[in-house]
Each structure stands twice: as structure tokens, then as C-alpha cells.
PDB file of N, CA and C in Angstrom:
ATOM      1  N   MET A   1    -140.702 113.119 -21.991  1.00  0.00           N
ATOM      2  CA  MET A   1    -139.901 112.919 -23.181  1.00  0.00           C
ATOM      3  C   MET A   1    -139.900 111.201 -23.097  1.00  0.00           C
ATOM      4  N   THR A   2    -140.118 110.606 -24.350  1.00  0.00           N
ATOM      5  CA  THR A   2    -139.969 109.234 -24.451  1.00  0.00           C
ATOM      6  C   THR A   2    -138.493 108.982 -25.101  1.00  0.00           C
ATOM      7  N   VAL A   3    -137.613 107.892 -24.293  1.00  0.00           N
ATOM      8  CA  VAL A   3    -136.545 107.485 -24.577  1.00  0.00           C
ATOM      9  C   VAL A   3    -136.511 106.075 -24.880  1.00  0.00           C
ATOM     10  N   PRO A   4    -135.848 105.702 -25.958  1.00  0.00           N
ATOM     11  CA  PRO A   4    -135.857 104.219 -26.358  1.00  0.00           C
ATOM     12  C   PRO A   4    -134.576 103.611 -25.609  1.00  0.00           C
ATOM     13  N   THR A   5    -134.653 102.512 -24.923  1.00  0.00           N
ATOM     14  CA  THR A   5    -133.673 101.815 -24.205  1.00  0.00           C
ATOM     15  C   THR A   5    -133.753 100.399 -24.918  1.00  0.00           C
ATOM     16  N   LEU A   6    -132.515  99.745 -24.759  1.00  0.00           N
ATOM     17  CA  LEU A   6    -132.257  98.524 -25.213  1.00  0.00           C
ATOM     18  C   LEU A   6    -132.784  97.534 -24.117  1.00  0.00           C
ATOM     19  N   ASP A   7    -132.955  97.869 -22.737  1.00  0.00           N
ATOM     20  CA  ASP A   7    -133.299  96.621 -21.876  1.00  0.00           C
ATOM     21  C   ASP A   7    -134.642  96.909 -21.804  1.00  0.00           C
ATOM     22  N   ILE A   8    -135.402  97.805 -21.673  1.00  0.00           N
ATOM     23  CA  ILE A   8    -136.900  97.834 -21.165  1.00  0.00           C
ATOM     24  C   ILE A   8    -137.671  98.500 -22.128  1.00  0.00           C
ATOM     25  N   GLY A   9    -137.125  98.804 -23.562  1.00  0.00           N
ATOM     26  CA  GLY A   9    -138.066  99.580 -24.416  1.00  0.00           C
ATOM     27  C   GLY A   9    -138.157 101.166 -24.241  1.00  0.00           C
ATOM     28  N   ASP A  10    -139.326 101.511 -24.732  1.00  0.00           N
ATOM     29  CA  ASP A  10    -139.429 103.058 -24.586  1.00  0.00           C
ATOM     30  C   ASP A  10    -139.847 103.304 -23.139  1.00  0.00           C
ATOM     31  N   VAL A  11    -139.353 104.405 -22.681  1.00  0.00           N
ATOM     32  CA  VAL A  11    -139.568 104.990 -21.201  1.00  0.00           C
ATOM     33  C   VAL A  11    -139.912 106.419 -21.378  1.00  0.00           C
ATOM     34  N   LEU A  12    -140.972 106.662 -20.783  1.00  0.00           N
ATOM     35  CA  LEU A  12    -141.249 108.079 -20.581  1.00  0.00           C
ATOM     36  C   LEU A  12    -140.509 108.445 -19.075  1.00  0.00           C
ATOM     37  N   VAL A  13    -139.599 109.575 -19.551  1.00  0.00           N
ATOM     38  CA  VAL A  13    -138.664 110.225 -18.571  1.00  0.00           C
ATOM     39  C   VAL A  13    -139.129 111.427 -18.474  1.00  0.00           C
ATOM     40  N   PRO A  14    -139.447 111.880 -17.215  1.00  0.00           N
ATOM     41  CA  PRO A  14    -139.638 113.389 -16.769  1.00  0.00           C
ATOM     42  C   PRO A  14    -138.250 113.980 -16.757  1.00  0.00           C
ATOM     43  N   ALA A  15    -138.086 115.221 -17.390  1.00  0.00           N
ATOM     44  CA  ALA A  15    -136.968 115.959 -17.270  1.00  0.00           C
ATOM     45  C   ALA A  15    -136.856 117.125 -16.566  1.00  0.00           C
ATOM     46  N   PRO A  16    -135.866 117.331 -15.750  1.00  0.00           N
ATOM     47  CA  PRO A  16    -136.026 118.689 -14.947  1.00  0.00           C
ATOM     48  C   PRO A  16    -135.729 119.887 -15.685  1.00  0.00           C
ATOM     49  N   ALA A  17    -136.314 120.778 -15.207  1.00  0.00           N
ATOM     50  CA  ALA A  17    -136.309 122.332 -15.921  1.00  0.00           C
ATOM     51  C   ALA A  17    -134.888 122.705 -16.412  1.00  0.00           C
ATOM     52  N   TRP A  18    -133.685 122.350 -15.891  1.00  0.00           N
ATOM     53  CA  TRP A  18    -132.606 122.646 -16.339  1.00  0.00           C
ATOM     54  C   TRP A  18    -132.124 121.798 -17.415  1.00  0.00           C
ATOM     55  N   CYS A  19    -132.783 120.720 -17.649  1.00  0.00           N
ATOM     56  CA  CYS A  19    -132.033 119.667 -18.814  1.00  0.00           C
ATOM     57  C   CYS A  19    -132.154 120.420 -19.904  1.00  0.00           C
ATOM     58  N   ALA A  20    -130.944 120.218 -20.820  1.00  0.00           N
ATOM     59  CA  ALA A  20    -130.974 120.757 -22.141  1.00  0.00           C
ATOM     60  C   ALA A  20    -130.708 119.691 -23.347  1.00  0.00           C
ATOM     61  N   GLY A  21    -130.900 118.500 -22.847  1.00  0.00           N
ATOM     62  CA  GLY A  21    -130.859 117.198 -23.614  1.00  0.00           C
ATOM     63  C   GLY A  21    -130.414 116.033 -23.012  1.00  0.00           C
ATOM     64  N   HIS A  22    -130.378 114.936 -23.825  1.00  0.00           N
ATOM     65  CA  HIS A  22    -129.789 113.638 -23.381  1.00  0.00           C
ATOM     66  C   HIS A  22    -129.048 112.858 -24.433  1.00  0.00           C
ATOM     67  N   ASP A  23    -128.322 112.005 -24.358  1.00  0.00           N
ATOM     68  CA  ASP A  23    -127.796 110.814 -25.000  1.00  0.00           C
ATOM     69  C   ASP A  23    -128.880 110.630 -26.138  1.00  0.00           C
ATOM     70  N   GLU A  24    -128.453 110.457 -27.435  1.00  0.00           N
ATOM     71  CA  GLU A  24    -129.573 109.904 -28.681  1.00  0.00           C
ATOM     72  C   GLU A  24    -130.105 108.706 -28.173  1.00  0.00           C
ATOM     73  N   ALA A  25    -129.326 107.737 -27.907  1.00  0.00           N
ATOM     74  CA  ALA A  25    -129.834 106.596 -27.253  1.00  0.00           C
ATOM     75  C   ALA A  25    -128.950 106.024 -26.436  1.00  0.00           C
ATOM     76  N   PRO A  26    -129.506 106.005 -25.120  1.00  0.00           N
ATOM     77  CA  PRO A  26    -128.586 105.760 -23.807  1.00  0.00           C
ATOM     78  C   PRO A  26    -128.099 104.401 -23.960  1.00  0.00           C
ATOM     79  N   GLY A  27    -128.718 103.444 -24.508  1.00  0.00           N
ATOM     80  CA  GLY A  27    -128.628 102.030 -24.484  1.00  0.00           C
ATOM     81  C   GLY A  27    -129.382 101.434 -23.283  1.00  0.00           C
ATOM     82  N   LEU A  28    -128.824 101.327 -22.057  1.00  0.00           N
ATOM     83  CA  LEU A  28    -129.559 100.723 -20.989  1.00  0.00           C
ATOM     84  C   LEU A  28    -130.101 102.087 -20.367  1.00  0.00           C
ATOM     85  N   LEU A  29    -131.173 101.738 -19.713  1.00  0.00           N
ATOM     86  CA  LEU A  29    -131.974 102.854 -18.795  1.00  0.00           C
ATOM     87  C   LEU A  29    -131.016 103.425 -17.809  1.00  0.00           C
ATOM     88  N   VAL A  30    -130.114 102.609 -17.123  1.00  0.00           N
ATOM     89  CA  VAL A  30    -129.398 103.327 -16.127  1.00  0.00           C
ATOM     90  C   VAL A  30    -128.136 104.176 -16.626  1.00  0.00           C
ATOM     91  N   ASP A  31    -127.906 104.058 -17.863  1.00  0.00           N
ATOM     92  CA  ASP A  31    -127.023 105.049 -18.519  1.00  0.00           C
ATOM     93  C   ASP A  31    -127.599 106.231 -18.820  1.00  0.00           C
ATOM     94  N   LEU A  32    -128.952 106.601 -18.835  1.00  0.00           N
ATOM     95  CA  LEU A  32    -129.606 107.922 -19.434  1.00  0.00           C
ATOM     96  C   LEU A  32    -128.850 108.881 -18.359  1.00  0.00           C
ATOM     97  N   THR A  33    -128.592 109.912 -19.048  1.00  0.00           N
ATOM     98  CA  THR A  33    -128.099 111.373 -18.256  1.00  0.00           C
ATOM     99  C   THR A  33    -128.651 112.394 -18.952  1.00  0.00           C
ATOM    100  N   HIS A  34    -129.248 113.012 -17.500  1.00  0.00           N
ATOM    101  CA  HIS A  34    -129.861 114.576 -17.883  1.00  0.00           C
ATOM    102  C   HIS A  34    -128.639 115.579 -18.067  1.00  0.00           C
ATOM    103  N   ARG A  35    -128.575 116.320 -19.043  1.00  0.00           N
ATOM    104  CA  ARG A  35    -127.439 117.325 -19.128  1.00  0.00           C
ATOM    105  C   ARG A  35    -127.916 118.468 -19.353  1.00  0.00           C
ATOM    106  N   GLY A  36    -127.324 119.791 -18.579  1.00  0.00           N
ATOM    107  CA  GLY A  36    -127.579 121.097 -18.798  1.00  0.00           C
ATOM    108  C   GLY A  36    -126.770 121.522 -19.922  1.00  0.00           C
ATOM    109  N   ALA A  37    -127.311 122.812 -20.155  1.00  0.00           N
ATOM    110  CA  ALA A  37    -126.615 123.449 -20.978  1.00  0.00           C
ATOM    111  C   ALA A  37    -125.020 123.720 -20.751  1.00  0.00           C
ATOM    112  N   GLU A  38    -124.153 123.425 -21.725  1.00  0.00           N
ATOM    113  CA  GLU A  38    -122.563 123.631 -21.485  1.00  0.00           C
ATOM    114  C   GLU A  38    -122.352 125.119 -21.119  1.00  0.00           C
ATOM    115  N   GLN A  39    -121.550 125.302 -19.949  1.00  0.00           N
ATOM    116  CA  GLN A  39    -121.312 126.682 -19.760  1.00  0.00           C
ATOM    117  C   GLN A  39    -119.566 126.897 -19.740  1.00  0.00           C
ATOM    118  N   LEU A  40    -119.032 127.423 -20.832  1.00  0.00           N
ATOM    119  CA  LEU A  40    -117.646 127.691 -20.939  1.00  0.00           C
ATOM    120  C   LEU A  40    -117.181 128.619 -19.762  1.00  0.00           C
ATOM    121  N   LEU A  41    -115.946 128.030 -19.275  1.00  0.00           N
ATOM    122  CA  LEU A  41    -115.457 128.668 -18.129  1.00  0.00           C
ATOM    123  C   LEU A  41    -114.121 129.402 -18.524  1.00  0.00           C
ATOM    124  N   GLY A  42    -113.901 130.888 -18.131  1.00  0.00           N
ATOM    125  CA  GLY A  42    -112.864 131.378 -18.272  1.00  0.00           C
ATOM    126  C   GLY A  42    -113.258 132.757 -18.808  1.00  0.00           C
ATOM    127  N   THR A  43    -112.472 133.372 -19.756  1.00  0.00           N
ATOM    128  CA  THR A  43    -112.505 134.550 -20.406  1.00  0.00           C
ATOM    129  C   THR A  43    -112.675 134.651 -21.786  1.00  0.00           C
ATOM    130  N   ASN A  44    -112.944 135.747 -22.575  1.00  0.00           N
ATOM    131  CA  ASN A  44    -112.661 135.718 -23.938  1.00  0.00           C
ATOM    132  C   ASN A  44    -111.367 135.167 -24.516  1.00  0.00           C
ATOM    133  N   GLU A  45    -110.372 135.582 -23.634  1.00  0.00           N
ATOM    134  CA  GLU A  45    -109.103 135.232 -24.243  1.00  0.00           C
ATOM    135  C   GLU A  45    -108.615 133.666 -23.906  1.00  0.00           C
ATOM    136  N   PHE A  46    -109.011 133.297 -22.808  1.00  0.00           N
ATOM    137  CA  PHE A  46    -108.921 131.891 -22.509  1.00  0.00           C
ATOM    138  C   PHE A  46    -110.016 131.221 -21.855  1.00  0.00           C
ATOM    139  N   THR A  47    -110.465 130.062 -22.775  1.00  0.00           N
ATOM    140  CA  THR A  47    -111.422 129.203 -22.242  1.00  0.00           C
ATOM    141  C   THR A  47    -110.810 127.971 -21.513  1.00  0.00           C
ATOM    142  N   VAL A  48    -110.927 127.793 -20.005  1.00  0.00           N
ATOM    143  CA  VAL A  48    -110.048 126.892 -19.462  1.00  0.00           C
ATOM    144  C   VAL A  48    -110.962 125.666 -18.938  1.00  0.00           C
ATOM    145  N   GLY A  49    -112.187 125.737 -19.406  1.00  0.00           N
ATOM    146  CA  GLY A  49    -113.152 124.479 -18.999  1.00  0.00           C
ATOM    147  C   GLY A  49    -114.321 124.677 -19.577  1.00  0.00           C
ATOM    148  N   MET A  50    -115.273 123.712 -19.283  1.00  0.00           N
ATOM    149  CA  MET A  50    -116.545 123.695 -19.496  1.00  0.00           C
ATOM    150  C   MET A  50    -117.198 122.899 -18.269  1.00  0.00           C
ATOM    151  N   ALA A  51    -118.549 123.623 -17.881  1.00  0.00           N
ATOM    152  CA  ALA A  51    -119.289 122.816 -16.765  1.00  0.00           C
ATOM    153  C   ALA A  51    -120.683 122.752 -17.255  1.00  0.00           C
ATOM    154  N   GLN A  52    -121.559 121.899 -16.767  1.00  0.00           N
ATOM    155  CA  GLN A  52    -122.730 121.498 -16.883  1.00  0.00           C
ATOM    156  C   GLN A  52    -123.329 120.805 -15.642  1.00  0.00           C
ATOM    157  N   PHE A  53    -124.787 120.976 -15.551  1.00  0.00           N
ATOM    158  CA  PHE A  53    -125.385 120.113 -14.567  1.00  0.00           C
ATOM    159  C   PHE A  53    -125.554 119.010 -15.213  1.00  0.00           C
ATOM    160  N   THR A  54    -125.597 117.900 -14.403  1.00  0.00           N
ATOM    161  CA  THR A  54    -125.992 116.327 -14.960  1.00  0.00           C
ATOM    162  C   THR A  54    -126.623 115.641 -13.872  1.00  0.00           C
ATOM    163  N   GLN A  55    -127.424 114.633 -14.346  1.00  0.00           N
ATOM    164  CA  GLN A  55    -128.233 113.788 -13.413  1.00  0.00           C
ATOM    165  C   GLN A  55    -128.188 112.362 -13.885  1.00  0.00           C
ATOM    166  N   HIS A  56    -127.906 111.479 -13.358  1.00  0.00           N
ATOM    167  CA  HIS A  56    -128.458 110.015 -13.730  1.00  0.00           C
ATOM    168  C   HIS A  56    -129.478 109.333 -12.918  1.00  0.00           C
ATOM    169  N   PRO A  57    -130.994 109.795 -13.504  1.00  0.00           N
ATOM    170  CA  PRO A  57    -131.938 109.475 -12.576  1.00  0.00           C
ATOM    171  C   PRO A  57    -132.201 107.993 -12.476  1.00  0.00           C
ATOM    172  N   TYR A  58    -131.600 107.046 -13.192  1.00  0.00           N
ATOM    173  CA  TYR A  58    -131.944 105.555 -12.874  1.00  0.00           C
ATOM    174  C   TYR A  58    -130.733 104.764 -12.333  1.00  0.00           C
ATOM    175  N   SER A  59    -129.632 105.775 -11.948  1.00  0.00           N
ATOM    176  CA  SER A  59    -128.349 105.044 -11.536  1.00  0.00           C
ATOM    177  C   SER A  59    -128.633 104.353 -10.253  1.00  0.00           C
ATOM    178  N   PRO A  60    -128.062 102.909 -10.149  1.00  0.00           N
ATOM    179  CA  PRO A  60    -128.124 102.266  -8.848  1.00  0.00           C
ATOM    180  C   PRO A  60    -127.617 102.941  -7.612  1.00  0.00           C
ATOM    181  N   ARG A  61    -126.423 103.978  -7.902  1.00  0.00           N
ATOM    182  CA  ARG A  61    -125.790 104.657  -6.755  1.00  0.00           C
ATOM    183  C   ARG A  61    -126.252 105.723  -6.608  1.00  0.00           C
ATOM    184  N   ASP A  62    -125.731 106.755  -7.271  1.00  0.00           N
ATOM    185  CA  ASP A  62    -126.302 108.175  -6.912  1.00  0.00           C
ATOM    186  C   ASP A  62    -126.917 108.914  -7.873  1.00  0.00           C
ATOM    187  N   ARG A  63    -128.347 109.401  -7.538  1.00  0.00           N
ATOM    188  CA  ARG A  63    -129.117 109.965  -8.506  1.00  0.00           C
ATOM    189  C   ARG A  63    -129.249 111.467  -8.303  1.00  0.00           C
ATOM    190  N   SER A  64    -128.494 111.884  -7.502  1.00  0.00           N
ATOM    191  CA  SER A  64    -128.558 113.553  -7.374  1.00  0.00           C
ATOM    192  C   SER A  64    -127.776 114.198  -8.517  1.00  0.00           C
ATOM    193  N   THR A  65    -128.244 115.397  -8.567  1.00  0.00           N
ATOM    194  CA  THR A  65    -127.750 116.487  -9.638  1.00  0.00           C
ATOM    195  C   THR A  65    -126.445 116.855  -8.917  1.00  0.00           C
ATOM    196  N   GLY A  66    -125.349 117.166  -9.969  1.00  0.00           N
ATOM    197  CA  GLY A  66    -124.144 117.323  -9.758  1.00  0.00           C
ATOM    198  C   GLY A  66    -123.703 118.260 -10.770  1.00  0.00           C
ATOM    199  N   LEU A  67    -122.686 118.632 -10.629  1.00  0.00           N
ATOM    200  CA  LEU A  67    -121.776 119.577 -11.472  1.00  0.00           C
ATOM    201  C   LEU A  67    -120.581 118.828 -12.346  1.00  0.00           C
ATOM    202  N   PHE A  68    -120.696 118.723 -13.477  1.00  0.00           N
ATOM    203  CA  PHE A  68    -119.843 117.970 -14.241  1.00  0.00           C
ATOM    204  C   PHE A  68    -118.784 119.119 -14.746  1.00  0.00           C
ATOM    205  N   ILE A  69    -117.617 118.989 -14.747  1.00  0.00           N
ATOM    206  CA  ILE A  69    -116.463 119.914 -14.912  1.00  0.00           C
ATOM    207  C   ILE A  69    -115.348 119.350 -15.694  1.00  0.00           C
ATOM    208  N   GLU A  70    -115.182 119.934 -16.923  1.00  0.00           N
ATOM    209  CA  GLU A  70    -114.187 119.136 -17.840  1.00  0.00           C
ATOM    210  C   GLU A  70    -113.141 120.236 -18.038  1.00  0.00           C
ATOM    211  N   PRO A  71    -111.846 120.331 -17.727  1.00  0.00           N
ATOM    212  CA  PRO A  71    -110.718 121.168 -18.223  1.00  0.00           C
ATOM    213  C   PRO A  71    -110.611 121.027 -19.498  1.00  0.00           C
ATOM    214  N   THR A  72    -110.490 122.269 -20.488  1.00  0.00           N
ATOM    215  CA  THR A  72    -110.261 122.381 -21.754  1.00  0.00           C
ATOM    216  C   THR A  72    -109.000 122.899 -22.129  1.00  0.00           C
ATOM    217  N   GLY A  73    -108.574 122.854 -23.514  1.00  0.00           N
ATOM    218  CA  GLY A  73    -107.540 123.617 -23.874  1.00  0.00           C
ATOM    219  C   GLY A  73    -106.297 122.645 -24.106  1.00  0.00           C
ATOM    220  N   ASP A  74    -105.496 123.247 -24.779  1.00  0.00           N
ATOM    221  CA  ASP A  74    -104.138 122.472 -25.306  1.00  0.00           C
ATOM    222  C   ASP A  74    -103.003 123.029 -24.358  1.00  0.00           C
ATOM    223  N   PRO A  75    -102.066 121.942 -23.895  1.00  0.00           N
ATOM    224  CA  PRO A  75    -100.915 122.476 -23.147  1.00  0.00           C
ATOM    225  C   PRO A  75    -100.273 123.233 -24.026  1.00  0.00           C
ATOM    226  N   GLY A  76     -99.438 124.195 -23.366  1.00  0.00           N
ATOM    227  CA  GLY A  76     -98.550 125.030 -24.166  1.00  0.00           C
ATOM    228  C   GLY A  76     -97.647 125.997 -23.140  1.00  0.00           C
ATOM    229  N   THR A  77     -96.869 126.515 -23.814  1.00  0.00           N
ATOM    230  CA  THR A  77     -95.801 127.631 -23.064  1.00  0.00           C
ATOM    231  C   THR A  77     -96.256 128.910 -23.386  1.00  0.00           C
ATOM    232  N   LEU A  78     -96.505 129.685 -22.106  1.00  0.00           N
ATOM    233  CA  LEU A  78     -97.068 131.014 -22.403  1.00  0.00           C
ATOM    234  C   LEU A  78     -95.898 132.112 -22.203  1.00  0.00           C
ATOM    235  N   GLY A  79     -96.048 133.192 -22.474  1.00  0.00           N
ATOM    236  CA  GLY A  79     -95.180 134.391 -22.303  1.00  0.00           C
ATOM    237  C   GLY A  79     -95.687 135.276 -21.158  1.00  0.00           C
ATOM    238  N   PRO A  80     -95.075 136.068 -20.593  1.00  0.00           N
ATOM    239  CA  PRO A  80     -95.308 137.009 -19.324  1.00  0.00           C
ATOM    240  C   PRO A  80     -96.992 137.481 -19.541  1.00  0.00           C
ATOM    241  N   SER A  81     -97.268 138.122 -20.636  1.00  0.00           N
ATOM    242  CA  SER A  81     -98.614 138.685 -20.733  1.00  0.00           C
ATOM    243  C   SER A  81     -99.586 137.495 -21.185  1.00  0.00           C
ATOM    244  N   GLU A  82     -99.339 136.606 -21.809  1.00  0.00           N
ATOM    245  CA  GLU A  82    -100.328 135.330 -21.950  1.00  0.00           C
ATOM    246  C   GLU A  82    -100.704 134.866 -20.778  1.00  0.00           C
ATOM    247  N   ALA A  83     -99.574 134.547 -19.870  1.00  0.00           N
ATOM    248  CA  ALA A  83     -99.769 133.838 -18.477  1.00  0.00           C
ATOM    249  C   ALA A  83    -100.684 134.568 -17.572  1.00  0.00           C
ATOM    250  N   ASP A  84    -100.643 136.101 -17.861  1.00  0.00           N
ATOM    251  CA  ASP A  84    -101.220 136.906 -16.870  1.00  0.00           C
ATOM    252  C   ASP A  84    -102.854 136.897 -17.315  1.00  0.00           C
ATOM    253  N   LEU A  85    -102.963 136.683 -18.538  1.00  0.00           N
ATOM    254  CA  LEU A  85    -104.311 136.658 -19.126  1.00  0.00           C
ATOM    255  C   LEU A  85    -104.826 135.191 -18.773  1.00  0.00           C
ATOM    256  N   TYR A  86    -103.964 134.220 -18.803  1.00  0.00           N
ATOM    257  CA  TYR A  86    -104.423 132.739 -18.508  1.00  0.00           C
ATOM    258  C   TYR A  86    -104.686 132.709 -16.961  1.00  0.00           C
ATOM    259  N   ALA A  87    -104.262 133.453 -16.012  1.00  0.00           N
ATOM    260  CA  ALA A  87    -104.387 133.602 -14.614  1.00  0.00           C
ATOM    261  C   ALA A  87    -105.694 134.262 -14.380  1.00  0.00           C
ATOM    262  N   ALA A  88    -106.128 135.157 -15.004  1.00  0.00           N
ATOM    263  CA  ALA A  88    -107.290 136.088 -15.117  1.00  0.00           C
ATOM    264  C   ALA A  88    -108.206 135.049 -15.400  1.00  0.00           C
ATOM    265  N   ALA A  89    -108.088 134.146 -16.621  1.00  0.00           N
ATOM    266  CA  ALA A  89    -109.126 133.461 -16.927  1.00  0.00           C
ATOM    267  C   ALA A  89    -109.532 132.236 -15.796  1.00  0.00           C
ATOM    268  N   LEU A  90    -108.431 131.859 -14.973  1.00  0.00           N
ATOM    269  CA  LEU A  90    -108.573 130.793 -14.021  1.00  0.00           C
ATOM    270  C   LEU A  90    -109.395 131.594 -12.654  1.00  0.00           C
ATOM    271  N   VAL A  91    -109.068 132.845 -12.451  1.00  0.00           N
ATOM    272  CA  VAL A  91    -109.840 133.520 -11.598  1.00  0.00           C
ATOM    273  C   VAL A  91    -111.322 133.665 -11.925  1.00  0.00           C
ATOM    274  N   GLU A  92    -111.502 134.068 -13.062  1.00  0.00           N
ATOM    275  CA  GLU A  92    -112.899 134.177 -13.589  1.00  0.00           C
ATOM    276  C   GLU A  92    -113.615 132.783 -13.639  1.00  0.00           C
ATOM    277  N   ALA A  93    -113.034 131.461 -14.134  1.00  0.00           N
ATOM    278  CA  ALA A  93    -113.598 130.235 -13.927  1.00  0.00           C
ATOM    279  C   ALA A  93    -113.786 129.930 -12.699  1.00  0.00           C
ATOM    280  N   ALA A  94    -112.983 130.225 -11.620  1.00  0.00           N
ATOM    281  CA  ALA A  94    -113.159 129.941 -10.082  1.00  0.00           C
ATOM    282  C   ALA A  94    -114.589 130.623  -9.746  1.00  0.00           C
ATOM    283  N   GLY A  95    -114.979 131.919 -10.088  1.00  0.00           N
ATOM    284  CA  GLY A  95    -116.064 132.626  -9.749  1.00  0.00           C
ATOM    285  C   GLY A  95    -117.365 132.187 -10.522  1.00  0.00           C
ATOM    286  N   GLN A  96    -117.336 131.495 -11.729  1.00  0.00           N
ATOM    287  CA  GLN A  96    -118.191 130.924 -12.442  1.00  0.00           C
ATOM    288  C   GLN A  96    -118.590 129.538 -12.024  1.00  0.00           C
ATOM    289  N   VAL A  97    -117.626 128.876 -11.425  1.00  0.00           N
ATOM    290  CA  VAL A  97    -117.834 127.526 -10.666  1.00  0.00           C
ATOM    291  C   VAL A  97    -118.720 127.874  -9.388  1.00  0.00           C
ATOM    292  N   ARG A  98    -117.984 128.927  -8.709  1.00  0.00           N
ATOM    293  CA  ARG A  98    -118.875 129.161  -7.614  1.00  0.00           C
ATOM    294  C   ARG A  98    -120.493 129.431  -7.622  1.00  0.00           C
ATOM    295  N   GLN A  99    -120.473 130.345  -8.640  1.00  0.00           N
ATOM    296  CA  GLN A  99    -121.938 130.714  -8.942  1.00  0.00           C
ATOM    297  C   GLN A  99    -122.869 129.380  -9.322  1.00  0.00           C
ATOM    298  N   MET A 100    -122.151 128.310 -10.287  1.00  0.00           N
ATOM    299  CA  MET A 100    -122.911 127.239 -10.615  1.00  0.00           C
ATOM    300  C   MET A 100    -123.174 126.402  -9.234  1.00  0.00           C
ATOM    301  N   ALA A 101    -122.175 126.278  -8.303  1.00  0.00           N
ATOM    302  CA  ALA A 101    -122.417 125.685  -6.986  1.00  0.00           C
ATOM    303  C   ALA A 101    -123.434 126.067  -6.239  1.00  0.00           C
ATOM    304  N   ARG A 102    -123.744 127.496  -6.259  1.00  0.00           N
ATOM    305  CA  ARG A 102    -124.930 127.914  -5.818  1.00  0.00           C
ATOM    306  C   ARG A 102    -126.238 127.661  -6.310  1.00  0.00           C
ATOM    307  N   TRP A 103    -126.202 127.721  -7.674  1.00  0.00           N
ATOM    308  CA  TRP A 103    -127.174 127.170  -8.397  1.00  0.00           C
ATOM    309  C   TRP A 103    -127.733 125.750  -8.216  1.00  0.00           C
ATOM    310  N   LEU A 104    -126.503 124.941  -8.041  1.00  0.00           N
ATOM    311  CA  LEU A 104    -126.709 123.489  -7.674  1.00  0.00           C
ATOM    312  C   LEU A 104    -127.338 123.478  -6.386  1.00  0.00           C
ATOM    313  N   ALA A 105    -126.917 124.105  -5.387  1.00  0.00           N
ATOM    314  CA  ALA A 105    -127.523 123.968  -4.131  1.00  0.00           C
ATOM    315  C   ALA A 105    -129.019 124.327  -3.949  1.00  0.00           C
ATOM    316  N   ILE A 106    -129.542 125.285  -5.072  1.00  0.00           N
ATOM    317  CA  ILE A 106    -130.947 125.427  -5.136  1.00  0.00           C
ATOM    318  C   ILE A 106    -131.285 124.389  -5.907  1.00  0.00           C
ATOM    319  N   ILE A 107    -131.044 123.942  -6.999  1.00  0.00           N
ATOM    320  CA  ILE A 107    -131.556 122.721  -7.589  1.00  0.00           C
ATOM    321  C   ILE A 107    -131.685 121.649  -6.879  1.00  0.00           C
ATOM    322  N   ARG A 108    -130.769 121.281  -6.074  1.00  0.00           N
ATOM    323  CA  ARG A 108    -130.920 120.231  -5.077  1.00  0.00           C
ATOM    324  C   ARG A 108    -131.926 120.290  -3.887  1.00  0.00           C
ATOM    325  N   GLY A 109    -132.199 121.602  -3.553  1.00  0.00           N
ATOM    326  CA  GLY A 109    -133.349 121.991  -2.569  1.00  0.00           C
ATOM    327  C   GLY A 109    -132.637 121.482  -1.064  1.00  0.00           C
ATOM    328  N   PRO A 110    -133.573 121.848  -0.096  1.00  0.00           N
ATOM    329  CA  PRO A 110    -133.139 122.039   1.469  1.00  0.00           C
ATOM    330  C   PRO A 110    -132.540 120.400   1.774  1.00  0.00           C
ATOM    331  N   LYS A 111    -133.019 119.436   1.170  1.00  0.00           N
ATOM    332  CA  LYS A 111    -132.484 118.145   1.588  1.00  0.00           C
ATOM    333  C   LYS A 111    -131.327 117.428   0.831  1.00  0.00           C
ATOM    334  N   GLY A 112    -130.689 118.334  -0.237  1.00  0.00           N
ATOM    335  CA  GLY A 112    -129.602 118.242  -0.924  1.00  0.00           C
ATOM    336  C   GLY A 112    -129.596 117.029  -1.945  1.00  0.00           C
ATOM    337  N   GLY A 113    -130.893 116.610  -2.284  1.00  0.00           N
ATOM    338  CA  GLY A 113    -131.286 115.621  -3.237  1.00  0.00           C
ATOM    339  C   GLY A 113    -131.384 116.129  -4.600  1.00  0.00           C
ATOM    340  N   ALA A 114    -132.145 115.303  -5.406  1.00  0.00           N
ATOM    341  CA  ALA A 114    -132.687 115.702  -6.740  1.00  0.00           C
ATOM    342  C   ALA A 114    -131.523 115.743  -7.662  1.00  0.00           C
TER     343      ALA A 114
END
């Protein structure tokens, strides 16, 4: 895919297979980010976060693929049954993050890069 940048113009950027898209216009090439599909964390009753694979292929520091995790939801007071459902969502989210961590290890390969 060709990405327009402000610093060096149009750049042909190879995208990893898991990449679901990029910023519309990253500005500088170092700001380009590969983003995987957003995966909601939790259960049908409570979404407690979002996770996605990311990589900054032109970063001067770390170019390896990682797992971006963002907590979601509004703060609030829960009753006993809601608190129990929320706890179940946290347990489910932990399992989902563990699975994504295993996929991340596969994506990075035996040397831990990519």
C-alpha cells in the first residue's frame, strides 16, 4: 500500500497479514502504525476493554509487534448481581488477552521480533 507522508512523500509500505488498516495520513513516516482488528474484551453483558495488534515499522526505538490494550466503559456503582457479571467479564477478558498473547508470540516468531 502507498502511504502519503509529509516528510518524504509517498511511501510503498508492506503491511503484515494481520494489519486491518492505518491512519488516514500518518504525517511523518515514523508515525505510521499498522493496526490489527479491534477485539472487544469481556462478555455480552460487560465490555471491559479493547485489544489490537500494533506495530510502528519506522519507529527509531521499537519496531516489534505488540498488543495495544485499552480499558473501556464508564465508572459506575454496581449491585451484587451486576458486580458478579462484571467479575465474569474480567475473567473472560483475561482469557482473551492470554489467547492474543499466544498469537502475538506466533506473529513475532522464534526471535521475538517483527
